[in-house]
């Protein structure tokens, strides 16, 4: 369990303080491709606004926005199940983004081919965040990242 997950579990016992630091919503993976793309874009803008409150309008925020979009797009395109659940969590000065879908299929690893048209997104997430990972269990897949103040 990461420090943020541990702190998050502690905060769950304090719902008033926690309500200000945790935002969650779900968007549908079904419908026309343009509808799903619009939902991904809405998630990206929501994340950007949230990150700007913590980090200001900076290059760092732009990088985090790109990393977040990568997680949103991956869940929408490669996930399973009808919905994607997005959570923004702040514990102390650390921001955690979690993107969950119902997929339980093994996750392919990027092969590192610089000319490949796909597979570079996780490299971006890793480069722009302080910690990141993918957790899977019988209920689905959660891709996440954490960032600390610079």
N, C-alpha and C. Protein backbone atom coordinates (compact mmCIF):
# COMPACT_ATOMS: atom_id res chain seq x y z
N UNK A 1 0.85 -1.17 0.00
CA UNK A 1 0.00 0.00 0.00
C UNK A 1 0.91 1.24 0.00
N UNK A 2 0.66 2.17 -0.93
CA UNK A 2 1.47 3.37 -1.00
C UNK A 2 1.14 4.30 0.17
N UNK A 3 2.00 5.28 0.46
CA UNK A 3 1.69 6.24 1.53
C UNK A 3 0.36 6.94 1.33
N UNK A 4 0.03 7.28 0.08
CA UNK A 4 -1.24 7.96 -0.18
C UNK A 4 -2.41 7.03 0.08
N UNK A 5 -2.32 5.77 -0.35
CA UNK A 5 -3.39 4.83 -0.09
C UNK A 5 -3.58 4.65 1.42
N UNK A 6 -2.47 4.59 2.15
CA UNK A 6 -2.56 4.44 3.60
C UNK A 6 -3.22 5.67 4.22
N UNK A 7 -2.80 6.86 3.83
CA UNK A 7 -3.41 8.09 4.34
C UNK A 7 -4.88 8.16 3.93
N UNK A 8 -5.19 7.74 2.71
CA UNK A 8 -6.57 7.77 2.25
C UNK A 8 -7.44 6.88 3.13
N UNK A 9 -6.94 5.71 3.48
CA UNK A 9 -7.70 4.81 4.33
C UNK A 9 -7.94 5.44 5.70
N UNK A 10 -6.94 6.15 6.21
CA UNK A 10 -7.11 6.84 7.50
C UNK A 10 -8.15 7.94 7.39
N UNK A 11 -8.16 8.67 6.27
CA UNK A 11 -9.10 9.78 6.10
C UNK A 11 -10.54 9.32 5.93
N UNK A 12 -10.74 8.09 5.49
CA UNK A 12 -12.11 7.63 5.28
C UNK A 12 -12.93 7.68 6.56
N UNK A 13 -12.27 7.63 7.71
CA UNK A 13 -12.98 7.72 8.98
C UNK A 13 -13.39 9.17 9.29
N UNK A 14 -12.91 10.13 8.50
CA UNK A 14 -13.21 11.55 8.71
C UNK A 14 -13.89 12.10 7.47
N UNK A 15 -15.19 11.81 7.26
CA UNK A 15 -15.84 12.14 6.00
C UNK A 15 -15.91 13.63 5.69
N UNK A 16 -15.95 14.50 6.67
CA UNK A 16 -16.04 15.93 6.37
C UNK A 16 -14.75 16.42 5.73
N UNK A 17 -13.61 16.10 6.35
CA UNK A 17 -12.33 16.51 5.78
C UNK A 17 -12.08 15.80 4.45
N UNK A 18 -12.47 14.53 4.38
CA UNK A 18 -12.22 13.73 3.19
C UNK A 18 -13.01 14.24 1.99
N UNK A 19 -14.22 14.75 2.22
CA UNK A 19 -15.07 15.19 1.10
C UNK A 19 -14.39 16.29 0.29
N UNK A 20 -13.57 17.10 0.92
CA UNK A 20 -12.88 18.18 0.22
C UNK A 20 -11.67 17.68 -0.57
N UNK A 21 -11.22 16.48 -0.28
CA UNK A 21 -9.99 15.98 -0.87
C UNK A 21 -10.20 14.81 -1.82
N UNK A 22 -11.44 14.40 -2.05
CA UNK A 22 -11.68 13.22 -2.86
C UNK A 22 -12.84 13.49 -3.81
N UNK A 23 -12.59 13.37 -5.08
CA UNK A 23 -13.63 13.58 -6.09
C UNK A 23 -13.67 12.35 -6.97
N UNK A 24 -14.87 11.84 -7.22
CA UNK A 24 -15.03 10.62 -8.01
C UNK A 24 -16.23 10.76 -8.93
N UNK A 25 -16.10 10.25 -10.14
CA UNK A 25 -17.23 10.16 -11.05
C UNK A 25 -17.01 9.00 -12.00
N UNK A 26 -18.05 8.64 -12.68
CA UNK A 26 -18.02 7.52 -13.62
C UNK A 26 -18.48 8.01 -14.98
N UNK A 27 -17.81 7.56 -16.04
CA UNK A 27 -18.31 7.85 -17.38
C UNK A 27 -18.48 6.55 -18.16
N UNK A 28 -19.41 6.58 -19.10
CA UNK A 28 -19.76 5.40 -19.87
C UNK A 28 -18.75 5.15 -20.97
N UNK A 29 -18.42 3.88 -21.17
CA UNK A 29 -17.55 3.46 -22.27
C UNK A 29 -18.37 3.10 -23.50
N UNK A 30 -19.69 3.14 -23.36
CA UNK A 30 -20.56 2.72 -24.46
C UNK A 30 -21.09 3.94 -25.19
N UNK A 31 -21.61 3.71 -26.37
CA UNK A 31 -22.15 4.79 -27.19
C UNK A 31 -21.26 5.04 -28.39
N UNK A 32 -21.59 6.11 -29.10
CA UNK A 32 -20.81 6.47 -30.28
C UNK A 32 -19.39 6.86 -29.88
N UNK A 33 -18.46 6.61 -30.77
CA UNK A 33 -17.06 6.93 -30.50
C UNK A 33 -16.88 8.40 -30.11
N UNK A 34 -17.59 9.28 -30.76
CA UNK A 34 -17.49 10.70 -30.44
C UNK A 34 -17.99 11.02 -29.04
N UNK A 35 -19.02 10.29 -28.59
CA UNK A 35 -19.53 10.49 -27.23
C UNK A 35 -18.49 10.09 -26.20
N UNK A 36 -17.84 8.96 -26.41
CA UNK A 36 -16.82 8.50 -25.48
C UNK A 36 -15.63 9.46 -25.49
N UNK A 37 -15.23 9.93 -26.66
CA UNK A 37 -14.14 10.90 -26.75
C UNK A 37 -14.48 12.17 -25.99
N UNK A 38 -15.74 12.60 -26.08
CA UNK A 38 -16.18 13.79 -25.36
C UNK A 38 -16.09 13.57 -23.84
N UNK A 39 -16.46 12.39 -23.38
CA UNK A 39 -16.38 12.08 -21.95
C UNK A 39 -14.93 12.05 -21.48
N UNK A 40 -14.03 11.53 -22.30
CA UNK A 40 -12.61 11.55 -21.97
C UNK A 40 -12.13 12.99 -21.88
N UNK A 41 -12.54 13.82 -22.84
CA UNK A 41 -12.15 15.24 -22.83
C UNK A 41 -12.68 15.95 -21.59
N UNK A 42 -13.90 15.68 -21.20
CA UNK A 42 -14.46 16.27 -19.98
C UNK A 42 -13.64 15.86 -18.76
N UNK A 43 -13.23 14.61 -18.71
CA UNK A 43 -12.41 14.13 -17.60
C UNK A 43 -11.07 14.84 -17.58
N UNK A 44 -10.51 15.04 -18.75
CA UNK A 44 -9.22 15.74 -18.85
C UNK A 44 -9.36 17.17 -18.33
N UNK A 45 -10.39 17.89 -18.73
CA UNK A 45 -10.58 19.26 -18.28
C UNK A 45 -10.83 19.33 -16.77
N UNK A 46 -11.59 18.38 -16.26
CA UNK A 46 -11.85 18.34 -14.81
C UNK A 46 -10.53 18.13 -14.06
N UNK A 47 -9.72 17.19 -14.55
CA UNK A 47 -8.43 16.94 -13.90
C UNK A 47 -7.55 18.18 -13.97
N UNK A 48 -7.52 18.83 -15.12
CA UNK A 48 -6.68 20.02 -15.27
C UNK A 48 -7.07 21.08 -14.23
N UNK A 49 -8.36 21.32 -14.08
CA UNK A 49 -8.81 22.31 -13.10
C UNK A 49 -8.41 21.92 -11.68
N UNK A 50 -8.52 20.64 -11.39
CA UNK A 50 -8.15 20.14 -10.07
C UNK A 50 -6.66 20.31 -9.84
N UNK A 51 -5.84 19.93 -10.82
CA UNK A 51 -4.38 20.02 -10.69
C UNK A 51 -3.93 21.48 -10.61
N UNK A 52 -4.59 22.37 -11.35
CA UNK A 52 -4.22 23.79 -11.29
C UNK A 52 -4.44 24.38 -9.91
N UNK A 53 -5.45 23.90 -9.20
CA UNK A 53 -5.68 24.39 -7.84
C UNK A 53 -4.51 24.01 -6.92
N UNK A 54 -3.88 22.88 -7.20
CA UNK A 54 -2.76 22.42 -6.36
C UNK A 54 -1.41 22.93 -6.83
N UNK A 55 -1.20 22.94 -8.14
CA UNK A 55 0.13 23.22 -8.68
C UNK A 55 0.21 24.51 -9.49
N UNK A 56 -0.91 25.22 -9.66
CA UNK A 56 -0.91 26.42 -10.48
C UNK A 56 -0.94 26.06 -11.95
N UNK A 57 -1.03 27.09 -12.78
CA UNK A 57 -1.03 26.88 -14.23
C UNK A 57 0.42 26.90 -14.70
N UNK A 58 0.98 25.72 -14.86
CA UNK A 58 2.42 25.60 -15.15
C UNK A 58 2.67 24.48 -16.14
N UNK A 59 3.93 24.36 -16.54
CA UNK A 59 4.32 23.24 -17.40
C UNK A 59 4.05 21.92 -16.69
N UNK A 60 4.25 21.89 -15.39
CA UNK A 60 4.00 20.67 -14.61
C UNK A 60 2.54 20.25 -14.74
N UNK A 61 1.63 21.22 -14.64
CA UNK A 61 0.21 20.91 -14.77
C UNK A 61 -0.10 20.38 -16.17
N UNK A 62 0.51 20.95 -17.19
CA UNK A 62 0.29 20.47 -18.56
C UNK A 62 0.78 19.03 -18.73
N UNK A 63 1.92 18.71 -18.12
CA UNK A 63 2.43 17.34 -18.18
C UNK A 63 1.49 16.37 -17.46
N UNK A 64 0.99 16.78 -16.32
CA UNK A 64 0.06 15.94 -15.56
C UNK A 64 -1.24 15.74 -16.33
N UNK A 65 -1.69 16.78 -17.00
CA UNK A 65 -2.90 16.68 -17.83
C UNK A 65 -2.71 15.63 -18.92
N UNK A 66 -1.55 15.64 -19.55
CA UNK A 66 -1.25 14.65 -20.59
C UNK A 66 -1.20 13.23 -20.00
N UNK A 67 -0.58 13.08 -18.84
CA UNK A 67 -0.53 11.77 -18.19
C UNK A 67 -1.93 11.28 -17.83
N UNK A 68 -2.76 12.19 -17.32
CA UNK A 68 -4.14 11.82 -16.97
C UNK A 68 -4.92 11.41 -18.20
N UNK A 69 -4.78 12.16 -19.28
CA UNK A 69 -5.50 11.82 -20.50
C UNK A 69 -5.11 10.42 -20.98
N UNK A 70 -3.84 10.09 -20.84
CA UNK A 70 -3.38 8.76 -21.25
C UNK A 70 -4.13 7.67 -20.48
N UNK A 71 -4.29 7.86 -19.17
CA UNK A 71 -5.02 6.86 -18.38
C UNK A 71 -6.49 6.81 -18.78
N UNK A 72 -7.11 7.98 -19.03
CA UNK A 72 -8.52 8.02 -19.44
C UNK A 72 -8.72 7.31 -20.77
N UNK A 73 -7.87 7.61 -21.73
CA UNK A 73 -8.00 7.02 -23.07
C UNK A 73 -7.77 5.51 -23.00
N UNK A 74 -6.75 5.07 -22.27
CA UNK A 74 -6.49 3.64 -22.17
C UNK A 74 -7.69 2.90 -21.60
N UNK A 75 -8.28 3.45 -20.54
CA UNK A 75 -9.44 2.79 -19.93
C UNK A 75 -10.62 2.76 -20.90
N UNK A 76 -10.83 3.85 -21.63
CA UNK A 76 -11.96 3.92 -22.57
C UNK A 76 -11.76 3.00 -23.76
N UNK A 77 -10.53 2.91 -24.27
CA UNK A 77 -10.28 2.11 -25.47
C UNK A 77 -9.97 0.65 -25.19
N UNK A 78 -9.25 0.37 -24.12
CA UNK A 78 -8.76 -0.99 -23.89
C UNK A 78 -9.41 -1.68 -22.70
N UNK A 79 -10.17 -0.95 -21.90
CA UNK A 79 -10.80 -1.53 -20.72
C UNK A 79 -11.97 -2.42 -21.09
N UNK A 80 -12.63 -2.91 -20.07
CA UNK A 80 -13.78 -3.77 -20.26
C UNK A 80 -14.87 -3.27 -19.33
N UNK A 81 -16.07 -3.69 -19.60
CA UNK A 81 -17.20 -3.24 -18.79
C UNK A 81 -17.78 -1.95 -19.34
N UNK A 82 -18.95 -1.58 -18.86
CA UNK A 82 -19.65 -0.43 -19.44
C UNK A 82 -19.16 0.93 -18.97
N UNK A 83 -18.39 1.00 -17.86
CA UNK A 83 -18.03 2.30 -17.31
C UNK A 83 -16.56 2.38 -16.92
N UNK A 84 -16.12 3.62 -16.75
CA UNK A 84 -14.80 3.94 -16.22
C UNK A 84 -15.04 4.83 -15.01
N UNK A 85 -14.38 4.53 -13.90
CA UNK A 85 -14.50 5.35 -12.70
C UNK A 85 -13.20 6.11 -12.49
N UNK A 86 -13.32 7.42 -12.31
CA UNK A 86 -12.18 8.31 -12.15
C UNK A 86 -12.21 8.86 -10.73
N UNK A 87 -11.06 8.83 -10.04
CA UNK A 87 -10.96 9.39 -8.70
C UNK A 87 -9.74 10.30 -8.60
N UNK A 88 -9.94 11.49 -8.04
CA UNK A 88 -8.84 12.40 -7.68
C UNK A 88 -8.80 12.40 -6.17
N UNK A 89 -7.64 12.16 -5.62
CA UNK A 89 -7.48 12.09 -4.17
C UNK A 89 -6.31 12.98 -3.78
N UNK A 90 -6.51 13.80 -2.76
CA UNK A 90 -5.42 14.61 -2.23
C UNK A 90 -5.23 14.22 -0.77
N UNK A 91 -4.01 13.83 -0.44
CA UNK A 91 -3.63 13.53 0.94
C UNK A 91 -2.38 14.34 1.24
N UNK A 92 -2.50 15.28 2.16
CA UNK A 92 -1.38 16.19 2.39
C UNK A 92 -1.18 17.01 1.14
N UNK A 93 0.01 16.97 0.59
CA UNK A 93 0.32 17.69 -0.64
C UNK A 93 0.43 16.77 -1.85
N UNK A 94 0.06 15.52 -1.69
CA UNK A 94 0.18 14.55 -2.77
C UNK A 94 -1.16 14.38 -3.48
N UNK A 95 -1.11 14.44 -4.80
CA UNK A 95 -2.28 14.21 -5.64
C UNK A 95 -2.20 12.81 -6.23
N UNK A 96 -3.28 12.06 -6.12
CA UNK A 96 -3.36 10.72 -6.70
C UNK A 96 -4.53 10.68 -7.66
N UNK A 97 -4.31 10.17 -8.85
CA UNK A 97 -5.36 9.92 -9.83
C UNK A 97 -5.50 8.42 -9.99
N UNK A 98 -6.73 7.92 -9.90
CA UNK A 98 -7.02 6.51 -10.16
C UNK A 98 -8.06 6.42 -11.25
N UNK A 99 -7.83 5.54 -12.21
CA UNK A 99 -8.78 5.30 -13.31
C UNK A 99 -9.05 3.81 -13.34
N UNK A 100 -10.31 3.45 -13.08
CA UNK A 100 -10.68 2.04 -12.93
C UNK A 100 -11.66 1.62 -14.03
N UNK A 101 -11.42 0.45 -14.60
CA UNK A 101 -12.39 -0.15 -15.53
C UNK A 101 -12.54 -1.62 -15.14
N UNK A 102 -13.51 -2.29 -15.73
CA UNK A 102 -13.81 -3.66 -15.37
C UNK A 102 -12.92 -4.71 -16.00
N UNK A 103 -11.90 -4.30 -16.73
CA UNK A 103 -11.05 -5.25 -17.44
C UNK A 103 -10.17 -6.08 -16.52
N UNK A 104 -10.10 -7.36 -16.81
CA UNK A 104 -9.24 -8.25 -16.02
C UNK A 104 -8.24 -9.01 -16.89
N UNK A 105 -8.23 -8.71 -18.18
CA UNK A 105 -7.28 -9.38 -19.09
C UNK A 105 -5.86 -8.92 -18.76
N UNK A 106 -4.87 -9.79 -18.97
CA UNK A 106 -3.49 -9.40 -18.71
C UNK A 106 -3.12 -8.15 -19.52
N UNK A 107 -2.33 -7.31 -18.92
CA UNK A 107 -1.93 -6.07 -19.56
C UNK A 107 -0.65 -6.31 -20.33
N UNK A 108 -0.65 -5.93 -21.60
CA UNK A 108 0.54 -6.06 -22.42
C UNK A 108 1.59 -5.05 -22.02
N UNK A 109 2.83 -5.42 -22.12
CA UNK A 109 3.94 -4.52 -21.81
C UNK A 109 4.44 -3.89 -23.09
N UNK A 110 4.73 -2.57 -23.07
CA UNK A 110 5.29 -1.93 -24.26
C UNK A 110 6.62 -2.58 -24.62
N UNK A 111 6.87 -2.72 -25.92
CA UNK A 111 8.10 -3.39 -26.34
C UNK A 111 9.27 -2.42 -26.50
N UNK A 112 9.05 -1.13 -26.30
CA UNK A 112 10.13 -0.16 -26.40
C UNK A 112 10.48 0.25 -27.81
N UNK A 113 9.72 -0.18 -28.80
CA UNK A 113 9.97 0.19 -30.18
C UNK A 113 9.60 1.65 -30.39
N UNK A 114 10.61 2.50 -30.65
CA UNK A 114 10.37 3.94 -30.81
C UNK A 114 9.54 4.27 -32.04
N UNK A 115 9.44 3.37 -32.99
CA UNK A 115 8.68 3.62 -34.21
C UNK A 115 7.26 3.08 -34.13
N UNK A 116 6.93 2.38 -33.05
CA UNK A 116 5.59 1.81 -32.91
C UNK A 116 4.56 2.93 -32.80
N UNK A 117 3.37 2.68 -33.33
CA UNK A 117 2.30 3.68 -33.28
C UNK A 117 1.57 3.67 -31.95
N UNK A 118 1.73 2.64 -31.17
CA UNK A 118 1.06 2.54 -29.87
C UNK A 118 2.06 2.07 -28.82
N UNK A 119 1.65 2.14 -27.57
CA UNK A 119 2.46 1.56 -26.51
C UNK A 119 3.39 2.51 -25.80
N UNK A 120 3.37 3.79 -26.15
CA UNK A 120 4.28 4.73 -25.49
C UNK A 120 3.63 5.50 -24.35
N UNK A 121 2.34 5.35 -24.18
CA UNK A 121 1.62 6.12 -23.17
C UNK A 121 2.12 5.91 -21.76
N UNK A 122 2.41 4.65 -21.39
CA UNK A 122 2.88 4.39 -20.03
C UNK A 122 4.24 5.02 -19.79
N UNK A 123 5.06 5.15 -20.85
CA UNK A 123 6.34 5.84 -20.70
C UNK A 123 6.11 7.31 -20.33
N UNK A 124 5.10 7.93 -20.96
CA UNK A 124 4.77 9.32 -20.63
C UNK A 124 4.29 9.45 -19.19
N UNK A 125 3.41 8.56 -18.80
CA UNK A 125 2.89 8.60 -17.43
C UNK A 125 4.05 8.46 -16.44
N UNK A 126 4.94 7.54 -16.70
CA UNK A 126 6.09 7.32 -15.83
C UNK A 126 7.01 8.54 -15.79
N UNK A 127 7.21 9.18 -16.94
CA UNK A 127 8.10 10.33 -17.03
C UNK A 127 7.54 11.56 -16.32
N UNK A 128 6.23 11.75 -16.36
CA UNK A 128 5.63 12.99 -15.86
C UNK A 128 5.12 12.90 -14.42
N UNK A 129 5.17 11.73 -13.81
CA UNK A 129 4.64 11.57 -12.46
C UNK A 129 5.72 11.07 -11.51
N UNK A 130 5.45 11.13 -10.22
CA UNK A 130 6.43 10.67 -9.24
C UNK A 130 6.35 9.17 -9.00
N UNK A 131 5.15 8.63 -9.03
CA UNK A 131 4.92 7.20 -8.88
C UNK A 131 3.72 6.82 -9.74
N UNK A 132 3.74 5.62 -10.29
CA UNK A 132 2.59 5.16 -11.07
C UNK A 132 2.56 3.64 -11.06
N UNK A 133 1.41 3.12 -11.42
CA UNK A 133 1.29 1.68 -11.46
C UNK A 133 -0.05 1.23 -11.99
N UNK A 134 -0.20 -0.06 -12.07
CA UNK A 134 -1.44 -0.68 -12.52
C UNK A 134 -1.73 -1.83 -11.57
N UNK A 135 -2.92 -1.80 -10.97
CA UNK A 135 -3.34 -2.85 -10.06
C UNK A 135 -4.51 -3.59 -10.69
N UNK A 136 -4.48 -4.91 -10.61
CA UNK A 136 -5.57 -5.73 -11.14
C UNK A 136 -6.05 -6.70 -10.07
N UNK A 137 -7.37 -6.92 -10.06
CA UNK A 137 -7.95 -7.94 -9.23
C UNK A 137 -9.21 -8.44 -9.95
N UNK A 138 -9.99 -9.25 -9.30
CA UNK A 138 -11.17 -9.83 -9.96
C UNK A 138 -12.22 -8.79 -10.31
N UNK A 139 -12.15 -7.59 -9.72
CA UNK A 139 -13.12 -6.54 -10.02
C UNK A 139 -12.67 -5.60 -11.13
N UNK A 140 -11.45 -5.77 -11.62
CA UNK A 140 -11.03 -4.94 -12.73
C UNK A 140 -9.61 -4.43 -12.59
N UNK A 141 -9.32 -3.39 -13.37
CA UNK A 141 -8.00 -2.81 -13.46
C UNK A 141 -8.05 -1.35 -13.02
N UNK A 142 -7.09 -0.96 -12.20
CA UNK A 142 -6.95 0.44 -11.81
C UNK A 142 -5.56 0.91 -12.18
N UNK A 143 -5.50 1.88 -13.08
CA UNK A 143 -4.24 2.54 -13.41
C UNK A 143 -4.19 3.80 -12.54
N UNK A 144 -3.03 4.12 -12.00
CA UNK A 144 -2.95 5.24 -11.08
C UNK A 144 -1.60 5.95 -11.21
N UNK A 145 -1.59 7.18 -10.74
CA UNK A 145 -0.32 7.87 -10.54
C UNK A 145 -0.45 8.82 -9.37
N UNK A 146 0.73 9.16 -8.82
CA UNK A 146 0.82 10.12 -7.71
C UNK A 146 1.84 11.18 -8.06
N UNK A 147 1.58 12.39 -7.61
CA UNK A 147 2.52 13.49 -7.79
C UNK A 147 2.62 14.28 -6.50
N UNK A 148 3.84 14.68 -6.20
CA UNK A 148 4.12 15.50 -5.03
C UNK A 148 4.43 16.92 -5.51
N UNK A 149 4.32 17.90 -4.63
CA UNK A 149 4.68 19.25 -5.04
C UNK A 149 6.14 19.30 -5.48
N UNK A 150 6.44 20.11 -6.46
CA UNK A 150 7.83 20.22 -6.95
C UNK A 150 8.69 20.95 -5.96
